[in-house]
């Protein structure tokens, strides 16, 4: 079955939309759509598995606890996050859907 990652993108969401695209032992691929969402104040992701993420569309700011400045991301930017590297989404564009492809592995 073929799918288009940009089909039926919502204009606005109350919460991020996460869709699992593929799951195998040690591997999970998901599409995440954000429309202005950010991590709650004081919240940090601290995941036991690695995550490779590419921003396919939109804009975002990603902050790592061990870096002084947040990273501004635009379409095409890729980040490989090692296990237990604390990070958070500080901002996503509210004027267009931000589409992420996240590959959780390890």
C-alpha atoms as a PDB file:
ATOM      1  CA  UNK A   1       0.000   0.000   0.000  1.00  0.00           C
ATOM      2  CA  UNK A   2       1.368   3.423  -0.876  1.00  0.00           C
ATOM      3  CA  UNK A   3       0.652   6.583   1.083  1.00  0.00           C
ATOM      4  CA  UNK A   4       1.461  10.245   0.716  1.00  0.00           C
ATOM      5  CA  UNK A   5       2.912  11.826   3.845  1.00  0.00           C
ATOM      6  CA  UNK A   6       1.383  15.184   2.954  1.00  0.00           C
ATOM      7  CA  UNK A   7      -2.149  13.984   2.159  1.00  0.00           C
ATOM      8  CA  UNK A   8      -4.942  15.330   4.372  1.00  0.00           C
ATOM      9  CA  UNK A   9      -2.760  17.544   6.556  1.00  0.00           C
ATOM     10  CA  UNK A  10      -4.850  19.340   9.173  1.00  0.00           C
ATOM     11  CA  UNK A  11      -4.747  23.136   9.314  1.00  0.00           C
ATOM     12  CA  UNK A  12      -4.973  23.183  13.109  1.00  0.00           C
ATOM     13  CA  UNK A  13      -4.797  20.579  15.854  1.00  0.00           C
ATOM     14  CA  UNK A  14      -5.435  20.690  19.590  1.00  0.00           C
ATOM     15  CA  UNK A  15      -2.556  18.188  20.058  1.00  0.00           C
ATOM     16  CA  UNK A  16       0.212  16.871  17.861  1.00  0.00           C
ATOM     17  CA  UNK A  17      -0.913  14.089  15.544  1.00  0.00           C
ATOM     18  CA  UNK A  18       1.320  10.989  15.647  1.00  0.00           C
ATOM     19  CA  UNK A  19       0.837   8.219  13.102  1.00  0.00           C
ATOM     20  CA  UNK A  20       2.849   5.003  13.253  1.00  0.00           C
ATOM     21  CA  UNK A  21       3.936   4.102   9.724  1.00  0.00           C
ATOM     22  CA  UNK A  22       6.052   1.019  10.394  1.00  0.00           C
ATOM     23  CA  UNK A  23       7.009  -1.025  13.418  1.00  0.00           C
ATOM     24  CA  UNK A  24       9.487  -3.885  13.661  1.00  0.00           C
ATOM     25  CA  UNK A  25      11.578  -5.203  16.565  1.00  0.00           C
ATOM     26  CA  UNK A  26      14.025  -2.409  17.397  1.00  0.00           C
ATOM     27  CA  UNK A  27      12.507  -0.011  14.845  1.00  0.00           C
ATOM     28  CA  UNK A  28       9.504   2.319  14.770  1.00  0.00           C
ATOM     29  CA  UNK A  29       8.808   4.967  12.141  1.00  0.00           C
ATOM     30  CA  UNK A  30       6.197   7.619  12.725  1.00  0.00           C
ATOM     31  CA  UNK A  31       4.884  10.767  11.118  1.00  0.00           C
ATOM     32  CA  UNK A  32       4.278  13.671  13.484  1.00  0.00           C
ATOM     33  CA  UNK A  33       2.211  16.697  12.506  1.00  0.00           C
ATOM     34  CA  UNK A  34       2.436  19.843  14.633  1.00  0.00           C
ATOM     35  CA  UNK A  35       0.453  23.055  14.246  1.00  0.00           C
ATOM     36  CA  UNK A  36       1.997  25.358  16.829  1.00  0.00           C
ATOM     37  CA  UNK A  37       2.520  22.765  19.566  1.00  0.00           C
ATOM     38  CA  UNK A  38       5.540  22.742  21.885  1.00  0.00           C
ATOM     39  CA  UNK A  39       6.706  20.652  24.822  1.00  0.00           C
ATOM     40  CA  UNK A  40       5.136  21.704  28.136  1.00  0.00           C
ATOM     41  CA  UNK A  41       7.230  24.030  30.313  1.00  0.00           C
ATOM     42  CA  UNK A  42       9.851  22.062  32.210  1.00  0.00           C
ATOM     43  CA  UNK A  43       9.243  18.844  30.222  1.00  0.00           C
ATOM     44  CA  UNK A  44      12.176  17.004  28.596  1.00  0.00           C
ATOM     45  CA  UNK A  45      12.026  13.905  26.421  1.00  0.00           C
ATOM     46  CA  UNK A  46      14.418  11.266  27.820  1.00  0.00           C
ATOM     47  CA  UNK A  47      14.018   8.232  25.588  1.00  0.00           C
ATOM     48  CA  UNK A  48      15.712   4.842  26.013  1.00  0.00           C
ATOM     49  CA  UNK A  49      16.081   4.418  22.242  1.00  0.00           C
ATOM     50  CA  UNK A  50      17.815   6.586  19.638  1.00  0.00           C
ATOM     51  CA  UNK A  51      15.728   8.791  17.350  1.00  0.00           C
ATOM     52  CA  UNK A  52      16.605  10.034  13.887  1.00  0.00           C
ATOM     53  CA  UNK A  53      14.262  12.816  12.840  1.00  0.00           C
ATOM     54  CA  UNK A  54      13.882  14.826   9.653  1.00  0.00           C
ATOM     55  CA  UNK A  55      11.718  17.910   9.347  1.00  0.00           C
ATOM     56  CA  UNK A  56       9.873  17.387   6.060  1.00  0.00           C
ATOM     57  CA  UNK A  57       7.777  20.549   6.079  1.00  0.00           C
ATOM     58  CA  UNK A  58       7.323  23.638   8.230  1.00  0.00           C
ATOM     59  CA  UNK A  59       9.577  25.130  10.906  1.00  0.00           C
ATOM     60  CA  UNK A  60      10.485  24.289  14.493  1.00  0.00           C
ATOM     61  CA  UNK A  61      12.942  24.937  17.313  1.00  0.00           C
ATOM     62  CA  UNK A  62      14.460  21.950  19.084  1.00  0.00           C
ATOM     63  CA  UNK A  63      16.398  22.390  22.321  1.00  0.00           C
ATOM     64  CA  UNK A  64      18.830  19.963  23.910  1.00  0.00           C
ATOM     65  CA  UNK A  65      19.480  20.231  27.632  1.00  0.00           C
ATOM     66  CA  UNK A  66      23.249  20.163  27.025  1.00  0.00           C
ATOM     67  CA  UNK A  67      23.254  23.029  24.488  1.00  0.00           C
ATOM     68  CA  UNK A  68      22.957  26.749  25.237  1.00  0.00           C
ATOM     69  CA  UNK A  69      20.803  27.642  22.233  1.00  0.00           C
ATOM     70  CA  UNK A  70      17.818  25.971  20.616  1.00  0.00           C
ATOM     71  CA  UNK A  71      18.282  24.704  17.070  1.00  0.00           C
ATOM     72  CA  UNK A  72      16.127  26.378  14.432  1.00  0.00           C
ATOM     73  CA  UNK A  73      14.935  23.691  12.017  1.00  0.00           C
ATOM     74  CA  UNK A  74      13.523  24.087   8.510  1.00  0.00           C
ATOM     75  CA  UNK A  75      12.395  21.572   5.912  1.00  0.00           C
ATOM     76  CA  UNK A  76      15.183  19.131   5.121  1.00  0.00           C
ATOM     77  CA  UNK A  77      17.008  19.424   8.452  1.00  0.00           C
ATOM     78  CA  UNK A  78      17.986  16.121  10.076  1.00  0.00           C
ATOM     79  CA  UNK A  79      18.872  15.393  13.711  1.00  0.00           C
ATOM     80  CA  UNK A  80      20.118  12.122  15.216  1.00  0.00           C
ATOM     81  CA  UNK A  81      19.302  11.993  18.936  1.00  0.00           C
ATOM     82  CA  UNK A  82      21.221   9.501  21.049  1.00  0.00           C
ATOM     83  CA  UNK A  83      19.453   7.516  23.792  1.00  0.00           C
ATOM     84  CA  UNK A  84      18.709   9.525  26.947  1.00  0.00           C
ATOM     85  CA  UNK A  85      19.797  12.838  25.410  1.00  0.00           C
ATOM     86  CA  UNK A  86      17.264  15.165  26.970  1.00  0.00           C
ATOM     87  CA  UNK A  87      15.494  17.375  24.455  1.00  0.00           C
ATOM     88  CA  UNK A  88      12.288  19.314  23.947  1.00  0.00           C
ATOM     89  CA  UNK A  89      10.351  21.023  21.181  1.00  0.00           C
ATOM     90  CA  UNK A  90      10.336  24.720  22.008  1.00  0.00           C
ATOM     91  CA  UNK A  91       8.214  25.886  19.103  1.00  0.00           C
ATOM     92  CA  UNK A  92       6.532  24.773  15.883  1.00  0.00           C
ATOM     93  CA  UNK A  93       5.030  26.997  13.201  1.00  0.00           C
ATOM     94  CA  UNK A  94       1.390  27.857  13.817  1.00  0.00           C
ATOM     95  CA  UNK A  95       0.756  29.233  10.315  1.00  0.00           C
ATOM     96  CA  UNK A  96       1.397  25.933   8.504  1.00  0.00           C
ATOM     97  CA  UNK A  97       1.603  22.247   9.420  1.00  0.00           C
ATOM     98  CA  UNK A  98       5.040  21.108  10.535  1.00  0.00           C
ATOM     99  CA  UNK A  99       5.627  17.521   9.406  1.00  0.00           C
ATOM    100  CA  UNK A 100       8.284  15.367  11.061  1.00  0.00           C
ATOM    101  CA  UNK A 101       9.428  11.859  10.153  1.00  0.00           C
ATOM    102  CA  UNK A 102      10.815  10.155  13.259  1.00  0.00           C
ATOM    103  CA  UNK A 103      12.734   6.881  13.175  1.00  0.00           C
ATOM    104  CA  UNK A 104      13.128   5.305  16.633  1.00  0.00           C
ATOM    105  CA  UNK A 105      15.803   2.620  16.682  1.00  0.00           C
ATOM    106  CA  UNK A 106      18.072   0.599  18.902  1.00  0.00           C
END
